[in-house]
Amino acid sequence: MLRGIIVLIEVALLIILLRSPFVQYWLSDAQTTVSGWISHVATMPERQELDSLRERLAPQIANMSENQKAYLETVLSSKSSLIHFHRLYCQRQEINPYIFGATRTAVCQRIESSQVLHTSD
């Protein structure tokens, strides 16, 4: 009987402790950190593909202005932005104020020959 009361008191103290603001803050911080690690590991193949594409685009990037380089960096920042760029400016041939002419053609060819477009999301 005494053992049951002690276990009940321990459970009540544990519940009170886990509901405290400090423990809640600490647990949410731990959750954020762990989810960041998981997200980093999950996007690793995508980042490697984008880095590979960035290396193959180096000759074209070297001849660009600073504004063009910054724009291309935002395009190469994620797979979704790269797919959006490819759809608009490579497939639909819409006018891009930053990358145009022979440079756009070369960039589109490098993108199409990369593995980034051919892997599933």
PDB file of N, CA and C in Angstrom:
ATOM      1  N   MET A   1       0.808  -1.186   0.000  1.00  0.00           N
ATOM      2  CA  MET A   1       0.000   0.000   0.000  1.00  0.00           C
ATOM      3  C   MET A   1       0.862   1.266   0.000  1.00  0.00           C
ATOM      4  N   LEU A   2       1.879   1.255   0.877  1.00  0.00           N
ATOM      5  CA  LEU A   2       2.782   2.396   0.971  1.00  0.00           C
ATOM      6  C   LEU A   2       3.539   2.579  -0.345  1.00  0.00           C
ATOM      7  N   ARG A   3       3.940   1.476  -0.962  1.00  0.00           N
ATOM      8  CA  ARG A   3       4.650   1.533  -2.244  1.00  0.00           C
ATOM      9  C   ARG A   3       3.765   2.167  -3.317  1.00  0.00           C
ATOM     10  N   GLY A   4       2.501   1.855  -3.355  1.00  0.00           N
ATOM     11  CA  GLY A   4       1.569   2.426  -4.331  1.00  0.00           C
ATOM     12  C   GLY A   4       1.397   3.927  -4.147  1.00  0.00           C
ATOM     13  N   ILE A   5       1.348   4.368  -2.906  1.00  0.00           N
ATOM     14  CA  ILE A   5       1.215   5.804  -2.627  1.00  0.00           C
ATOM     15  C   ILE A   5       2.477   6.540  -3.063  1.00  0.00           C
ATOM     16  N   ILE A   6       3.641   5.951  -2.812  1.00  0.00           N
ATOM     17  CA  ILE A   6       4.908   6.569  -3.205  1.00  0.00           C
ATOM     18  C   ILE A   6       4.990   6.674  -4.740  1.00  0.00           C
ATOM     19  N   VAL A   7       4.579   5.624  -5.437  1.00  0.00           N
ATOM     20  CA  VAL A   7       4.585   5.662  -6.900  1.00  0.00           C
ATOM     21  C   VAL A   7       3.616   6.726  -7.398  1.00  0.00           C
ATOM     22  N   LEU A   8       2.456   6.845  -6.799  1.00  0.00           N
ATOM     23  CA  LEU A   8       1.477   7.855  -7.173  1.00  0.00           C
ATOM     24  C   LEU A   8       2.034   9.265  -6.955  1.00  0.00           C
ATOM     25  N   ILE A   9       2.713   9.490  -5.839  1.00  0.00           N
ATOM     26  CA  ILE A   9       3.326  10.795  -5.561  1.00  0.00           C
ATOM     27  C   ILE A   9       4.425  11.084  -6.579  1.00  0.00           C
ATOM     28  N   GLU A  10       5.239  10.089  -6.924  1.00  0.00           N
ATOM     29  CA  GLU A  10       6.306  10.280  -7.921  1.00  0.00           C
ATOM     30  C   GLU A  10       5.732  10.644  -9.284  1.00  0.00           C
ATOM     31  N   VAL A  11       4.657   9.976  -9.686  1.00  0.00           N
ATOM     32  CA  VAL A  11       4.022  10.279 -10.969  1.00  0.00           C
ATOM     33  C   VAL A  11       3.466  11.701 -10.948  1.00  0.00           C
ATOM     34  N   ALA A  12       2.833  12.110  -9.851  1.00  0.00           N
ATOM     35  CA  ALA A  12       2.284  13.463  -9.741  1.00  0.00           C
ATOM     36  C   ALA A  12       3.402  14.501  -9.821  1.00  0.00           C
ATOM     37  N   LEU A  13       4.512  14.269  -9.142  1.00  0.00           N
ATOM     38  CA  LEU A  13       5.646  15.199  -9.205  1.00  0.00           C
ATOM     39  C   LEU A  13       6.244  15.263 -10.614  1.00  0.00           C
ATOM     40  N   LEU A  14       6.309  14.129 -11.264  1.00  0.00           N
ATOM     41  CA  LEU A  14       6.828  14.099 -12.634  1.00  0.00           C
ATOM     42  C   LEU A  14       5.926  14.894 -13.573  1.00  0.00           C
ATOM     43  N   ILE A  15       4.621  14.748 -13.427  1.00  0.00           N
ATOM     44  CA  ILE A  15       3.678  15.501 -14.258  1.00  0.00           C
ATOM     45  C   ILE A  15       3.826  17.000 -13.998  1.00  0.00           C
ATOM     46  N   ILE A  16       3.929  17.390 -12.740  1.00  0.00           N
ATOM     47  CA  ILE A  16       4.094  18.809 -12.400  1.00  0.00           C
ATOM     48  C   ILE A  16       5.403  19.342 -12.974  1.00  0.00           C
ATOM     49  N   LEU A  17       6.460  18.568 -12.865  1.00  0.00           N
ATOM     50  CA  LEU A  17       7.763  18.989 -13.385  1.00  0.00           C
ATOM     51  C   LEU A  17       7.728  19.129 -14.906  1.00  0.00           C
ATOM     52  N   LEU A  18       7.131  18.166 -15.598  1.00  0.00           N
ATOM     53  CA  LEU A  18       7.090  18.215 -17.061  1.00  0.00           C
ATOM     54  C   LEU A  18       6.197  19.331 -17.599  1.00  0.00           C
ATOM     55  N   ARG A  19       5.277  19.821 -16.786  1.00  0.00           N
ATOM     56  CA  ARG A  19       4.403  20.896 -17.221  1.00  0.00           C
ATOM     57  C   ARG A  19       4.974  22.280 -16.905  1.00  0.00           C
ATOM     58  N   SER A  20       6.132  22.343 -16.271  1.00  0.00           N
ATOM     59  CA  SER A  20       6.726  23.632 -15.930  1.00  0.00           C
ATOM     60  C   SER A  20       7.208  24.344 -17.194  1.00  0.00           C
ATOM     61  N   PRO A  21       7.180  25.677 -17.192  1.00  0.00           N
ATOM     62  CA  PRO A  21       7.588  26.434 -18.383  1.00  0.00           C
ATOM     63  C   PRO A  21       9.039  26.164 -18.804  1.00  0.00           C
ATOM     64  N   PHE A  22       9.930  26.003 -17.853  1.00  0.00           N
ATOM     65  CA  PHE A  22      11.329  25.757 -18.209  1.00  0.00           C
ATOM     66  C   PHE A  22      11.489  24.436 -18.941  1.00  0.00           C
ATOM     67  N   VAL A  23      10.872  23.386 -18.439  1.00  0.00           N
ATOM     68  CA  VAL A  23      10.974  22.074 -19.082  1.00  0.00           C
ATOM     69  C   VAL A  23      10.298  22.111 -20.454  1.00  0.00           C
ATOM     70  N   GLN A  24       9.177  22.800 -20.569  1.00  0.00           N
ATOM     71  CA  GLN A  24       8.514  22.923 -21.863  1.00  0.00           C
ATOM     72  C   GLN A  24       9.408  23.652 -22.863  1.00  0.00           C
ATOM     73  N   TYR A  25      10.074  24.732 -22.412  1.00  0.00           N
ATOM     74  CA  TYR A  25      11.004  25.459 -23.271  1.00  0.00           C
ATOM     75  C   TYR A  25      12.161  24.558 -23.692  1.00  0.00           C
ATOM     76  N   TRP A  26      12.706  23.823 -22.739  1.00  0.00           N
ATOM     77  CA  TRP A  26      13.845  22.949 -23.013  1.00  0.00           C
ATOM     78  C   TRP A  26      13.453  21.844 -23.994  1.00  0.00           C
ATOM     79  N   LEU A  27      12.274  21.252 -23.813  1.00  0.00           N
ATOM     80  CA  LEU A  27      11.821  20.195 -24.714  1.00  0.00           C
ATOM     81  C   LEU A  27      11.551  20.734 -26.126  1.00  0.00           C
ATOM     82  N   SER A  28      10.974  21.929 -26.238  1.00  0.00           N
ATOM     83  CA  SER A  28      10.732  22.497 -27.569  1.00  0.00           C
ATOM     84  C   SER A  28      12.046  22.854 -28.245  1.00  0.00           C
ATOM     85  N   ASP A  29      13.019  23.319 -27.482  1.00  0.00           N
ATOM     86  CA  ASP A  29      14.336  23.614 -28.046  1.00  0.00           C
ATOM     87  C   ASP A  29      15.006  22.326 -28.534  1.00  0.00           C
ATOM     88  N   ALA A  30      14.902  21.266 -27.761  1.00  0.00           N
ATOM     89  CA  ALA A  30      15.461  19.974 -28.178  1.00  0.00           C
ATOM     90  C   ALA A  30      14.756  19.458 -29.430  1.00  0.00           C
ATOM     91  N   GLN A  31      13.445  19.637 -29.505  1.00  0.00           N
ATOM     92  CA  GLN A  31      12.692  19.206 -30.680  1.00  0.00           C
ATOM     93  C   GLN A  31      13.128  19.986 -31.918  1.00  0.00           C
ATOM     94  N   THR A  32      13.321  21.285 -31.774  1.00  0.00           N
ATOM     95  CA  THR A  32      13.766  22.114 -32.898  1.00  0.00           C
ATOM     96  C   THR A  32      15.140  21.678 -33.388  1.00  0.00           C
ATOM     97  N   THR A  33      16.040  21.402 -32.461  1.00  0.00           N
ATOM     98  CA  THR A  33      17.385  20.970 -32.822  1.00  0.00           C
ATOM     99  C   THR A  33      17.362  19.635 -33.549  1.00  0.00           C
ATOM    100  N   VAL A  34      16.628  18.682 -33.017  1.00  0.00           N
ATOM    101  CA  VAL A  34      16.563  17.355 -33.637  1.00  0.00           C
ATOM    102  C   VAL A  34      15.887  17.416 -35.000  1.00  0.00           C
ATOM    103  N   SER A  35      14.825  18.195 -35.122  1.00  0.00           N
ATOM    104  CA  SER A  35      14.162  18.299 -36.425  1.00  0.00           C
ATOM    105  C   SER A  35      15.069  18.993 -37.438  1.00  0.00           C
ATOM    106  N   GLY A  36      15.904  19.928 -36.986  1.00  0.00           N
ATOM    107  CA  GLY A  36      16.888  20.551 -37.874  1.00  0.00           C
ATOM    108  C   GLY A  36      17.897  19.537 -38.383  1.00  0.00           C
ATOM    109  N   TRP A  37      18.357  18.654 -37.509  1.00  0.00           N
ATOM    110  CA  TRP A  37      19.296  17.599 -37.921  1.00  0.00           C
ATOM    111  C   TRP A  37      18.642  16.669 -38.939  1.00  0.00           C
ATOM    112  N   ILE A  38      17.423  16.273 -38.666  1.00  0.00           N
ATOM    113  CA  ILE A  38      16.713  15.359 -39.568  1.00  0.00           C
ATOM    114  C   ILE A  38      16.510  16.021 -40.925  1.00  0.00           C
ATOM    115  N   SER A  39      16.128  17.294 -40.919  1.00  0.00           N
ATOM    116  CA  SER A  39      15.940  18.026 -42.174  1.00  0.00           C
ATOM    117  C   SER A  39      17.257  18.135 -42.939  1.00  0.00           C
ATOM    118  N   HIS A  40      18.337  18.375 -42.235  1.00  0.00           N
ATOM    119  CA  HIS A  40      19.658  18.475 -42.867  1.00  0.00           C
ATOM    120  C   HIS A  40      20.039  17.156 -43.537  1.00  0.00           C
ATOM    121  N   VAL A  41      19.817  16.060 -42.848  1.00  0.00           N
ATOM    122  CA  VAL A  41      20.143  14.743 -43.407  1.00  0.00           C
ATOM    123  C   VAL A  41      19.215  14.416 -44.583  1.00  0.00           C
ATOM    124  N   ALA A  42      17.951  14.781 -44.469  1.00  0.00           N
ATOM    125  CA  ALA A  42      16.987  14.457 -45.525  1.00  0.00           C
ATOM    126  C   ALA A  42      17.258  15.227 -46.813  1.00  0.00           C
ATOM    127  N   THR A  43      17.785  16.434 -46.701  1.00  0.00           N
ATOM    128  CA  THR A  43      18.046  17.247 -47.896  1.00  0.00           C
ATOM    129  C   THR A  43      19.481  17.109 -48.408  1.00  0.00           C
ATOM    130  N   MET A  44      20.252  16.240 -47.822  1.00  0.00           N
ATOM    131  CA  MET A  44      21.651  16.095 -48.232  1.00  0.00           C
ATOM    132  C   MET A  44      21.811  15.700 -49.707  1.00  0.00           C
ATOM    133  N   PRO A  45      21.082  14.716 -50.227  1.00  0.00           N
ATOM    134  CA  PRO A  45      21.236  14.386 -51.648  1.00  0.00           C
ATOM    135  C   PRO A  45      20.888  15.560 -52.565  1.00  0.00           C
ATOM    136  N   GLU A  46      19.839  16.301 -52.222  1.00  0.00           N
ATOM    137  CA  GLU A  46      19.449  17.460 -53.018  1.00  0.00           C
ATOM    138  C   GLU A  46      20.555  18.506 -53.021  1.00  0.00           C
ATOM    139  N   ARG A  47      21.132  18.786 -51.842  1.00  0.00           N
ATOM    140  CA  ARG A  47      22.205  19.768 -51.763  1.00  0.00           C
ATOM    141  C   ARG A  47      23.436  19.309 -52.531  1.00  0.00           C
ATOM    142  N   GLN A  48      23.731  18.015 -52.519  1.00  0.00           N
ATOM    143  CA  GLN A  48      24.871  17.507 -53.276  1.00  0.00           C
ATOM    144  C   GLN A  48      24.637  17.665 -54.775  1.00  0.00           C
ATOM    145  N   GLU A  49      23.425  17.400 -55.234  1.00  0.00           N
ATOM    146  CA  GLU A  49      23.101  17.582 -56.656  1.00  0.00           C
ATOM    147  C   GLU A  49      23.222  19.047 -57.057  1.00  0.00           C
ATOM    148  N   LEU A  50      22.735  19.949 -56.205  1.00  0.00           N
ATOM    149  CA  LEU A  50      22.827  21.374 -56.500  1.00  0.00           C
ATOM    150  C   LEU A  50      24.279  21.853 -56.495  1.00  0.00           C
ATOM    151  N   ASP A  51      25.091  21.330 -55.575  1.00  0.00           N
ATOM    152  CA  ASP A  51      26.514  21.683 -55.559  1.00  0.00           C
ATOM    153  C   ASP A  51      27.219  21.191 -56.812  1.00  0.00           C
ATOM    154  N   SER A  52      26.870  19.998 -57.261  1.00  0.00           N
ATOM    155  CA  SER A  52      27.446  19.459 -58.493  1.00  0.00           C
ATOM    156  C   SER A  52      27.072  20.328 -59.687  1.00  0.00           C
ATOM    157  N   LEU A  53      25.819  20.747 -59.749  1.00  0.00           N
ATOM    158  CA  LEU A  53      25.371  21.618 -60.825  1.00  0.00           C
ATOM    159  C   LEU A  53      26.086  22.963 -60.752  1.00  0.00           C
ATOM    160  N   ARG A  54      26.257  23.487 -59.549  1.00  0.00           N
ATOM    161  CA  ARG A  54      26.954  24.762 -59.356  1.00  0.00           C
ATOM    162  C   ARG A  54      28.389  24.672 -59.885  1.00  0.00           C
ATOM    163  N   GLU A  55      29.041  23.530 -59.653  1.00  0.00           N
ATOM    164  CA  GLU A  55      30.408  23.337 -60.152  1.00  0.00           C
ATOM    165  C   GLU A  55      30.438  23.284 -61.678  1.00  0.00           C
ATOM    166  N   ARG A  56      29.445  22.619 -62.274  1.00  0.00           N
ATOM    167  CA  ARG A  56      29.411  22.530 -63.738  1.00  0.00           C
ATOM    168  C   ARG A  56      29.045  23.862 -64.379  1.00  0.00           C
ATOM    169  N   LEU A  57      28.372  24.732 -63.632  1.00  0.00           N
ATOM    170  CA  LEU A  57      28.020  26.053 -64.142  1.00  0.00           C
ATOM    171  C   LEU A  57      29.114  27.093 -63.899  1.00  0.00           C
ATOM    172  N   ALA A  58      30.198  26.699 -63.251  1.00  0.00           N
ATOM    173  CA  ALA A  58      31.260  27.642 -62.895  1.00  0.00           C
ATOM    174  C   ALA A  58      31.787  28.444 -64.084  1.00  0.00           C
ATOM    175  N   PRO A  59      32.008  27.846 -65.266  1.00  0.00           N
ATOM    176  CA  PRO A  59      32.486  28.661 -66.389  1.00  0.00           C
ATOM    177  C   PRO A  59      31.501  29.768 -66.800  1.00  0.00           C
ATOM    178  N   GLN A  60      30.214  29.468 -66.766  1.00  0.00           N
ATOM    179  CA  GLN A  60      29.222  30.487 -67.110  1.00  0.00           C
ATOM    180  C   GLN A  60      29.112  31.542 -66.007  1.00  0.00           C
ATOM    181  N   ILE A  61      29.209  31.106 -64.764  1.00  0.00           N
ATOM    182  CA  ILE A  61      29.082  32.023 -63.631  1.00  0.00           C
ATOM    183  C   ILE A  61      30.253  33.005 -63.599  1.00  0.00           C
ATOM    184  N   ALA A  62      31.434  32.562 -63.992  1.00  0.00           N
ATOM    185  CA  ALA A  62      32.614  33.422 -63.946  1.00  0.00           C
ATOM    186  C   ALA A  62      32.466  34.657 -64.827  1.00  0.00           C
ATOM    187  N   ASN A  63      31.734  34.569 -65.902  1.00  0.00           N
ATOM    188  CA  ASN A  63      31.576  35.693 -66.828  1.00  0.00           C
ATOM    189  C   ASN A  63      30.390  36.585 -66.499  1.00  0.00           C
ATOM    190  N   MET A  64      29.655  36.305 -65.440  1.00  0.00           N
ATOM    191  CA  MET A  64      28.448  37.059 -65.114  1.00  0.00           C
ATOM    192  C   MET A  64      28.760  38.265 -64.229  1.00  0.00           C
ATOM    193  N   SER A  65      27.831  39.223 -64.227  1.00  0.00           N
ATOM    194  CA  SER A  65      27.938  40.367 -63.320  1.00  0.00           C
ATOM    195  C   SER A  65      27.558  39.919 -61.902  1.00  0.00           C
ATOM    196  N   GLU A  66      27.785  40.798 -60.945  1.00  0.00           N
ATOM    197  CA  GLU A  66      27.468  40.454 -59.548  1.00  0.00           C
ATOM    198  C   GLU A  66      25.973  40.228 -59.355  1.00  0.00           C
ATOM    199  N   ASN A  67      25.148  41.031 -60.009  1.00  0.00           N
ATOM    200  CA  ASN A  67      23.690  40.845 -59.901  1.00  0.00           C
ATOM    201  C   ASN A  67      23.258  39.508 -60.488  1.00  0.00           C
ATOM    202  N   GLN A  68      23.847  39.127 -61.609  1.00  0.00           N
ATOM    203  CA  GLN A  68      23.516  37.849 -62.220  1.00  0.00           C
ATOM    204  C   GLN A  68      23.960  36.695 -61.329  1.00  0.00           C
ATOM    205  N   LYS A  69      25.140  36.823 -60.735  1.00  0.00           N
ATOM    206  CA  LYS A  69      25.642  35.773 -59.836  1.00  0.00           C
ATOM    207  C   LYS A  69      24.722  35.621 -58.622  1.00  0.00           C
ATOM    208  N   ALA A  70      24.317  36.750 -58.050  1.00  0.00           N
ATOM    209  CA  ALA A  70      23.418  36.696 -56.886  1.00  0.00           C
ATOM    210  C   ALA A  70      22.083  36.064 -57.260  1.00  0.00           C
ATOM    211  N   TYR A  71      21.563  36.413 -58.434  1.00  0.00           N
ATOM    212  CA  TYR A  71      20.303  35.831 -58.890  1.00  0.00           C
ATOM    213  C   TYR A  71      20.443  34.322 -59.093  1.00  0.00           C
ATOM    214  N   LEU A  72      21.527  33.910 -59.730  1.00  0.00           N
ATOM    215  CA  LEU A  72      21.734  32.483 -59.976  1.00  0.00           C
ATOM    216  C   LEU A  72      21.928  31.725 -58.661  1.00  0.00           C
ATOM    217  N   GLU A  73      22.534  32.366 -57.674  1.00  0.00           N
ATOM    218  CA  GLU A  73      22.666  31.720 -56.365  1.00  0.00           C
ATOM    219  C   GLU A  73      21.302  31.476 -55.744  1.00  0.00           C
ATOM    220  N   THR A  74      20.375  32.424 -55.890  1.00  0.00           N
ATOM    221  CA  THR A  74      19.025  32.197 -55.346  1.00  0.00           C
ATOM    222  C   THR A  74      18.316  31.088 -56.115  1.00  0.00           C
ATOM    223  N   VAL A  75      18.570  30.999 -57.418  1.00  0.00           N
ATOM    224  CA  VAL A  75      17.978  29.922 -58.220  1.00  0.00           C
ATOM    225  C   VAL A  75      18.534  28.580 -57.772  1.00  0.00           C
ATOM    226  N   LEU A  76      19.822  28.538 -57.471  1.00  0.00           N
ATOM    227  CA  LEU A  76      20.468  27.282 -57.074  1.00  0.00           C
ATOM    228  C   LEU A  76      20.364  27.007 -55.582  1.00  0.00           C
ATOM    229  N   SER A  77      19.596  27.804 -54.864  1.00  0.00           N
ATOM    230  CA  SER A  77      19.491  27.619 -53.417  1.00  0.00           C
ATOM    231  C   SER A  77      18.629  26.419 -53.040  1.00  0.00           C
ATOM    232  N   SER A  78      17.668  26.058 -53.883  1.00  0.00           N
ATOM    233  CA  SER A  78      16.832  24.897 -53.590  1.00  0.00           C
ATOM    234  C   SER A  78      16.373  24.247 -54.890  1.00  0.00           C
ATOM    235  N   LYS A  79      15.972  23.011 -54.757  1.00  0.00           N
ATOM    236  CA  LYS A  79      15.506  22.271 -55.929  1.00  0.00           C
ATOM    237  C   LYS A  79      14.221  22.872 -56.484  1.00  0.00           C
ATOM    238  N   SER A  80      13.348  23.322 -55.612  1.00  0.00           N
ATOM    239  CA  SER A  80      12.083  23.887 -56.078  1.00  0.00           C
ATOM    240  C   SER A  80      12.303  25.173 -56.859  1.00  0.00           C
ATOM    241  N   SER A  81      13.226  26.031 -56.414  1.00  0.00           N
ATOM    242  CA  SER A  81      13.488  27.261 -57.169  1.00  0.00           C
ATOM    243  C   SER A  81      14.162  26.947 -58.500  1.00  0.00           C
ATOM    244  N   LEU A  82      14.994  25.920 -58.543  1.00  0.00           N
ATOM    245  CA  LEU A  82      15.636  25.525 -59.798  1.00  0.00           C
ATOM    246  C   LEU A  82      14.602  24.976 -60.782  1.00  0.00           C
ATOM    247  N   ILE A  83      13.686  24.162 -60.304  1.00  0.00           N
ATOM    248  CA  ILE A  83      12.633  23.612 -61.158  1.00  0.00           C
ATOM    249  C   ILE A  83      11.739  24.745 -61.683  1.00  0.00           C
ATOM    250  N   HIS A  84      11.434  25.704 -60.824  1.00  0.00           N
ATOM    251  CA  HIS A  84      10.627  26.857 -61.239  1.00  0.00           C
ATOM    252  C   HIS A  84      11.352  27.645 -62.335  1.00  0.00           C
ATOM    253  N   PHE A  85      12.647  27.918 -62.131  1.00  0.00           N
ATOM    254  CA  PHE A  85      13.443  28.618 -63.143  1.00  0.00           C
ATOM    255  C   PHE A  85      13.433  27.846 -64.457  1.00  0.00           C
ATOM    256  N   HIS A  86      13.661  26.538 -64.377  1.00  0.00           N
ATOM    257  CA  HIS A  86      13.719  25.712 -65.588  1.00  0.00           C
ATOM    258  C   HIS A  86      12.390  25.740 -66.333  1.00  0.00           C
ATOM    259  N   ARG A  87      11.311  25.631 -65.585  1.00  0.00           N
ATOM    260  CA  ARG A  87       9.988  25.622 -66.217  1.00  0.00           C
ATOM    261  C   ARG A  87       9.707  26.946 -66.932  1.00  0.00           C
ATOM    262  N   LEU A  88       9.997  28.061 -66.260  1.00  0.00           N
ATOM    263  CA  LEU A  88       9.679  29.361 -66.843  1.00  0.00           C
ATOM    264  C   LEU A  88      10.625  29.757 -67.976  1.00  0.00           C
ATOM    265  N   TYR A  89      11.916  29.638 -67.739  1.00  0.00           N
ATOM    266  CA  TYR A  89      12.873  30.247 -68.651  1.00  0.00           C
ATOM    267  C   TYR A  89      13.531  29.269 -69.622  1.00  0.00           C
ATOM    268  N   CYS A  90      13.486  27.997 -69.324  1.00  0.00           N
ATOM    269  CA  CYS A  90      14.062  27.019 -70.251  1.00  0.00           C
ATOM    270  C   CYS A  90      12.974  26.367 -71.107  1.00  0.00           C
ATOM    271  N   GLN A  91      11.879  25.977 -70.492  1.00  0.00           N
ATOM    272  CA  GLN A  91      10.813  25.318 -71.245  1.00  0.00           C
ATOM    273  C   GLN A  91       9.888  26.314 -71.929  1.00  0.00           C
ATOM    274  N   ARG A  92       9.419  27.313 -71.198  1.00  0.00           N
ATOM    275  CA  ARG A  92       8.465  28.276 -71.764  1.00  0.00           C
ATOM    276  C   ARG A  92       9.162  29.411 -72.528  1.00  0.00           C
ATOM    277  N   GLN A  93      10.471  29.524 -72.384  1.00  0.00           N
ATOM    278  CA  GLN A  93      11.251  30.561 -73.066  1.00  0.00           C
ATOM    279  C   GLN A  93      10.801  31.983 -72.700  1.00  0.00           C
ATOM    280  N   GLU A  94      10.363  32.183 -71.464  1.00  0.00           N
ATOM    281  CA  GLU A  94       9.979  33.526 -71.044  1.00  0.00           C
ATOM    282  C   GLU A  94      11.232  34.387 -70.873  1.00  0.00           C
ATOM    283  N   ILE A  95      11.065  35.688 -70.875  1.00  0.00           N
ATOM    284  CA  ILE A  95      12.190  36.611 -70.786  1.00  0.00           C
ATOM    285  C   ILE A  95      12.633  36.732 -69.332  1.00  0.00           C
ATOM    286  N   ASN A  96      13.932  36.558 -69.116  1.00  0.00           N
ATOM    287  CA  ASN A  96      14.521  36.690 -67.795  1.00  0.00           C
ATOM    288  C   ASN A  96      15.411  37.926 -67.813  1.00  0.00           C
ATOM    289  N   PRO A  97      15.209  38.867 -66.899  1.00  0.00           N
ATOM    290  CA  PRO A  97      16.004  40.095 -66.922  1.00  0.00           C
ATOM    291  C   PRO A  97      17.459  39.905 -66.483  1.00  0.00           C
ATOM    292  N   TYR A  98      17.786  38.803 -65.853  1.00  0.00           N
ATOM    293  CA  TYR A  98      19.143  38.578 -65.355  1.00  0.00           C
ATOM    294  C   TYR A  98      19.967  37.676 -66.265  1.00  0.00           C
ATOM    295  N   ILE A  99      19.366  36.577 -66.697  1.00  0.00           N
ATOM    296  CA  ILE A  99      20.097  35.599 -67.504  1.00  0.00           C
ATOM    297  C   ILE A  99      19.371  35.480 -68.836  1.00  0.00           C
ATOM    298  N   PHE A 100      20.061  35.804 -69.917  1.00  0.00           N
ATOM    299  CA  PHE A 100      19.422  35.845 -71.227  1.00  0.00           C
ATOM    300  C   PHE A 100      20.430  35.470 -72.299  1.00  0.00           C
ATOM    301  N   GLY A 101      19.913  35.223 -73.490  1.00  0.00           N
ATOM    302  CA  GLY A 101      20.756  34.944 -74.651  1.00  0.00           C
ATOM    303  C   GLY A 101      21.512  33.631 -74.541  1.00  0.00           C
ATOM    304  N   ALA A 102      22.757  33.668 -74.978  1.00  0.00           N
ATOM    305  CA  ALA A 102      23.596  32.469 -74.985  1.00  0.00           C
ATOM    306  C   ALA A 102      23.862  31.959 -73.578  1.00  0.00           C
ATOM    307  N   THR A 103      23.934  32.878 -72.620  1.00  0.00           N
ATOM    308  CA  THR A 103      24.166  32.472 -71.224  1.00  0.00           C
ATOM    309  C   THR A 103      22.990  31.646 -70.717  1.00  0.00           C
ATOM    310  N   ARG A 104      21.772  32.100 -71.012  1.00  0.00           N
ATOM    311  CA  ARG A 104      20.582  31.347 -70.580  1.00  0.00           C
ATOM    312  C   ARG A 104      20.541  29.982 -71.259  1.00  0.00           C
ATOM    313  N   THR A 105      20.879  29.938 -72.527  1.00  0.00           N
ATOM    314  CA  THR A 105      20.885  28.666 -73.248  1.00  0.00           C
ATOM    315  C   THR A 105      21.874  27.700 -72.617  1.00  0.00           C
ATOM    316  N   ALA A 106      23.077  28.197 -72.291  1.00  0.00           N
ATOM    317  CA  ALA A 106      24.092  27.337 -71.674  1.00  0.00           C
ATOM    318  C   ALA A 106      23.658  26.876 -70.292  1.00  0.00           C
ATOM    319  N   VAL A 107      23.081  27.784 -69.503  1.00  0.00           N
ATOM    320  CA  VAL A 107      22.607  27.422 -68.157  1.00  0.00           C
ATOM    321  C   VAL A 107      21.496  26.386 -68.258  1.00  0.00           C
ATOM    322  N   CYS A 108      20.571  26.579 -69.186  1.00  0.00           N
ATOM    323  CA  CYS A 108      19.464  25.624 -69.351  1.00  0.00           C
ATOM    324  C   CYS A 108      19.988  24.249 -69.774  1.00  0.00           C
ATOM    325  N   GLN A 109      20.973  24.234 -70.650  1.00  0.00           N
ATOM    326  CA  GLN A 109      21.545  22.946 -71.071  1.00  0.00           C
ATOM    327  C   GLN A 109      22.195  22.237 -69.903  1.00  0.00           C
ATOM    328  N   ARG A 110      22.924  22.975 -69.063  1.00  0.00           N
ATOM    329  CA  ARG A 110      23.558  22.355 -67.885  1.00  0.00           C
ATOM    330  C   ARG A 110      22.498  21.833 -66.913  1.00  0.00           C
ATOM    331  N   ILE A 111      21.441  22.599 -66.736  1.00  0.00           N
ATOM    332  CA  ILE A 111      20.377  22.158 -65.824  1.00  0.00           C
ATOM    333  C   ILE A 111      19.721  20.889 -66.354  1.00  0.00           C
ATOM    334  N   GLU A 112      19.430  20.859 -67.636  1.00  0.00           N
ATOM    335  CA  GLU A 112      18.752  19.696 -68.233  1.00  0.00           C
ATOM    336  C   GLU A 112      19.636  18.465 -68.234  1.00  0.00           C
ATOM    337  N   SER A 113      20.945  18.638 -68.301  1.00  0.00           N
ATOM    338  CA  SER A 113      21.838  17.485 -68.282  1.00  0.00           C
ATOM    339  C   SER A 113      22.168  17.024 -66.866  1.00  0.00           C
ATOM    340  N   SER A 114      21.738  17.790 -65.866  1.00  0.00           N
ATOM    341  CA  SER A 114      22.016  17.400 -64.477  1.00  0.00           C
ATOM    342  C   SER A 114      20.997  16.384 -63.989  1.00  0.00           C
ATOM    343  N   GLN A 115      21.277  15.823 -62.844  1.00  0.00           N
ATOM    344  CA  GLN A 115      20.381  14.835 -62.236  1.00  0.00           C
ATOM    345  C   GLN A 115      19.293  15.491 -61.375  1.00  0.00           C
ATOM    346  N   VAL A 116      19.390  16.802 -61.163  1.00  0.00           N
ATOM    347  CA  VAL A 116      18.453  17.475 -60.264  1.00  0.00           C
ATOM    348  C   VAL A 116      17.016  17.364 -60.759  1.00  0.00           C
ATOM    349  N   LEU A 117      16.809  17.542 -62.055  1.00  0.00           N
ATOM    350  CA  LEU A 117      15.453  17.486 -62.604  1.00  0.00           C
ATOM    351  C   LEU A 117      14.921  16.068 -62.712  1.00  0.00           C
ATOM    352  N   HIS A 118      15.812  15.088 -62.722  1.00  0.00           N
ATOM    353  CA  HIS A 118      15.417  13.717 -62.979  1.00  0.00           C
ATOM    354  C   HIS A 118      15.182  12.898 -61.716  1.00  0.00           C
ATOM    355  N   THR A 119      15.393  13.493 -60.553  1.00  0.00           N
ATOM    356  CA  THR A 119      15.129  12.776 -59.306  1.00  0.00           C
ATOM    357  C   THR A 119      13.788  13.190 -58.763  1.00  0.00           C
ATOM    358  N   SER A 120      13.148  12.291 -58.043  1.00  0.00           N
ATOM    359  CA  SER A 120      11.811  12.585 -57.493  1.00  0.00           C
ATOM    360  C   SER A 120      11.937  13.488 -56.291  1.00  0.00           C
ATOM    361  N   ASP A 121      10.840  14.217 -55.995  1.00  0.00           N
ATOM    362  CA  ASP A 121      10.830  15.156 -54.859  1.00  0.00           C
ATOM    363  C   ASP A 121      10.731  14.442 -53.556  1.00  0.00           C
TER     364      ASP A 121
END
